[in-house]
Amino acid sequence: MTTRQTSCSCGRRTLTTQGEPVRVSICHCPACQRRTGSIFGTQARFPSGRVTICGESKVYVRTADSGNQISFHFCPNCGSTMYYQPGDDPNVIAVPVGAFADPEFPPPRVSVYESSRHRRASLPKDIEHVE
């Protein structure tokens, strides 16, 4: 079983996953753009039972366009987003792919909120498109 570990920028917080993600996606919504400081967010979802979290975090809860509450957990020292939990599925933990710092991480298979996509952002040809 594949084990992967993430770390925040300052290294005080780590997260370890077991197995492959159940979904890797790109989100183009304005909230993800603001959260990441990039033109999209890329996240991998894992069953919560396959994620081990170490270290203290702060939580920011945001209401998504869908009306669901999303809890973002970030390092209180450096501010790195370590993971988030969608309110509509408490059995899932979503981890920003960049936190793994692994260029061999599985590619995204789903692209969401494409109406907010920056047109210069190219996508894999075989990706699923969901508005």
Protein backbone atom coordinates (compact mmCIF):
# COMPACT_ATOMS: atom_id res chain seq x y z
CA MET A 1 0.00 0.00 0.00
CA THR A 2 1.34 3.42 -0.97
CA THR A 3 2.20 5.75 1.92
CA ARG A 4 2.61 9.47 1.27
CA GLN A 5 3.44 12.28 3.68
CA THR A 6 2.81 16.00 3.46
CA SER A 7 4.21 18.83 5.48
CA CYS A 8 3.32 22.46 5.94
CA SER A 9 5.90 25.10 4.97
CA CYS A 10 7.42 25.31 8.47
CA GLY A 11 7.32 21.53 9.05
CA ARG A 12 5.34 21.67 12.32
CA ARG A 13 2.36 19.85 10.85
CA THR A 14 2.34 16.62 8.89
CA LEU A 15 -0.28 14.42 7.31
CA THR A 16 0.22 10.83 6.15
CA THR A 17 -2.03 8.99 3.70
CA GLN A 18 -2.32 5.26 3.05
CA GLY A 19 -3.29 3.95 -0.37
CA GLU A 20 -4.27 5.76 -3.52
CA PRO A 21 -6.66 8.73 -3.53
CA VAL A 22 -10.28 8.00 -4.42
CA ARG A 23 -10.39 11.18 -6.53
CA VAL A 24 -7.91 13.80 -7.72
CA SER A 25 -9.54 16.95 -9.05
CA ILE A 26 -8.92 20.51 -10.16
CA CYS A 27 -11.27 23.23 -8.92
CA HIS A 28 -11.49 26.57 -10.72
CA CYS A 29 -13.93 28.29 -8.37
CA PRO A 30 -12.97 31.79 -7.16
CA ALA A 31 -12.78 30.56 -3.54
CA CYS A 32 -10.12 27.97 -4.44
CA GLN A 33 -8.25 30.57 -6.46
CA ARG A 34 -8.17 32.89 -3.44
CA ARG A 35 -7.31 30.08 -1.00
CA THR A 36 -4.37 28.83 -3.05
CA GLY A 37 -3.18 32.09 -4.57
CA SER A 38 -3.15 30.24 -7.89
CA ILE A 39 -5.54 30.03 -10.83
CA PHE A 40 -6.97 26.74 -9.53
CA GLY A 41 -6.75 24.32 -6.64
CA THR A 42 -5.81 20.66 -7.04
CA GLN A 43 -6.84 18.24 -4.33
CA ALA A 44 -6.79 14.53 -3.63
CA ARG A 45 -9.57 12.91 -1.63
CA PHE A 46 -8.89 10.02 0.74
CA PRO A 47 -11.17 8.06 3.07
CA SER A 48 -10.67 9.66 6.49
CA GLY A 49 -9.63 6.29 7.98
CA ARG A 50 -6.57 6.27 5.73
CA VAL A 51 -5.26 9.67 6.88
CA THR A 52 -3.13 10.38 9.96
CA ILE A 53 -2.81 14.02 11.01
CA CYS A 54 -0.08 15.26 13.37
CA GLY A 55 0.22 18.73 14.85
CA GLU A 56 -2.04 21.59 15.85
CA SER A 57 -4.25 23.37 13.33
CA LYS A 58 -6.57 26.31 12.99
CA VAL A 59 -9.87 25.88 11.19
CA TYR A 60 -11.68 28.17 8.79
CA VAL A 61 -15.25 27.15 7.86
CA ARG A 62 -16.67 28.41 4.59
CA THR A 63 -20.06 27.89 3.00
CA ALA A 64 -19.62 26.64 -0.55
CA ASP A 65 -21.79 27.67 -3.52
CA SER A 66 -23.64 24.39 -2.99
CA GLY A 67 -24.56 25.45 0.57
CA ASN A 68 -22.29 22.83 2.15
CA GLN A 69 -19.96 23.80 4.97
CA ILE A 70 -16.28 23.11 4.27
CA SER A 71 -13.74 23.05 7.14
CA PHE A 72 -10.25 24.10 6.04
CA HIS A 73 -7.45 23.10 8.42
CA PHE A 74 -4.24 25.10 8.24
CA CYS A 75 -1.00 25.46 10.16
CA PRO A 76 -1.32 28.22 12.79
CA ASN A 77 2.37 29.10 12.35
CA CYS A 78 2.95 29.30 8.57
CA GLY A 79 -0.64 29.32 7.27
CA SER A 80 -0.30 26.35 4.89
CA THR A 81 -3.62 24.64 4.13
CA MET A 82 -3.07 21.02 5.16
CA TYR A 83 -6.46 19.52 4.39
CA TYR A 84 -10.16 20.19 4.29
CA GLN A 85 -13.32 18.27 5.05
CA PRO A 86 -16.43 18.74 2.93
CA GLY A 87 -19.51 19.00 5.14
CA ASP A 88 -21.55 16.79 2.82
CA ASP A 89 -19.12 13.86 3.25
CA PRO A 90 -17.45 13.68 6.68
CA ASN A 91 -15.80 10.37 5.75
CA VAL A 92 -13.50 12.12 3.26
CA ILE A 93 -10.41 14.25 3.75
CA ALA A 94 -9.22 16.36 0.82
CA VAL A 95 -5.52 17.19 0.71
CA PRO A 96 -4.00 19.86 -1.55
CA VAL A 97 -1.83 17.95 -4.01
CA GLY A 98 0.93 20.55 -3.75
CA ALA A 99 1.37 19.67 -0.07
CA PHE A 100 2.79 16.31 -1.15
CA ALA A 101 5.53 18.06 -3.19
CA ASP A 102 5.60 14.93 -5.38
CA PRO A 103 5.81 15.43 -9.17
CA GLU A 104 4.83 11.76 -9.62
CA PHE A 105 1.51 12.17 -7.75
CA PRO A 106 -1.45 10.74 -9.73
CA PRO A 107 -2.86 13.31 -12.18
CA PRO A 108 -6.27 14.95 -11.80
CA ARG A 109 -9.15 13.14 -13.51
CA VAL A 110 -11.93 15.67 -12.84
CA SER A 111 -12.15 19.44 -13.47
CA VAL A 112 -14.92 21.40 -11.71
CA TYR A 113 -16.30 24.98 -11.84
CA GLU A 114 -14.91 25.46 -15.31
CA SER A 115 -16.98 28.61 -15.88
CA SER A 116 -14.35 30.32 -13.64
CA ARG A 117 -11.38 28.66 -15.38
CA HIS A 118 -8.58 30.92 -16.57
CA ARG A 119 -8.42 30.16 -20.29
CA ARG A 120 -4.62 29.96 -20.22
CA ALA A 121 -4.89 26.94 -17.90
CA SER A 122 -4.63 23.90 -20.13
CA LEU A 123 -6.17 20.64 -18.96
CA PRO A 124 -5.36 17.01 -19.68
CA LYS A 125 -7.24 15.78 -22.75
CA ASP A 126 -8.83 12.84 -20.92
CA ILE A 127 -10.12 14.79 -17.89
CA GLU A 128 -13.80 14.69 -16.89
CA HIS A 129 -15.46 18.12 -17.08
CA VAL A 130 -18.05 19.02 -14.43
CA GLU A 131 -19.63 22.43 -13.98
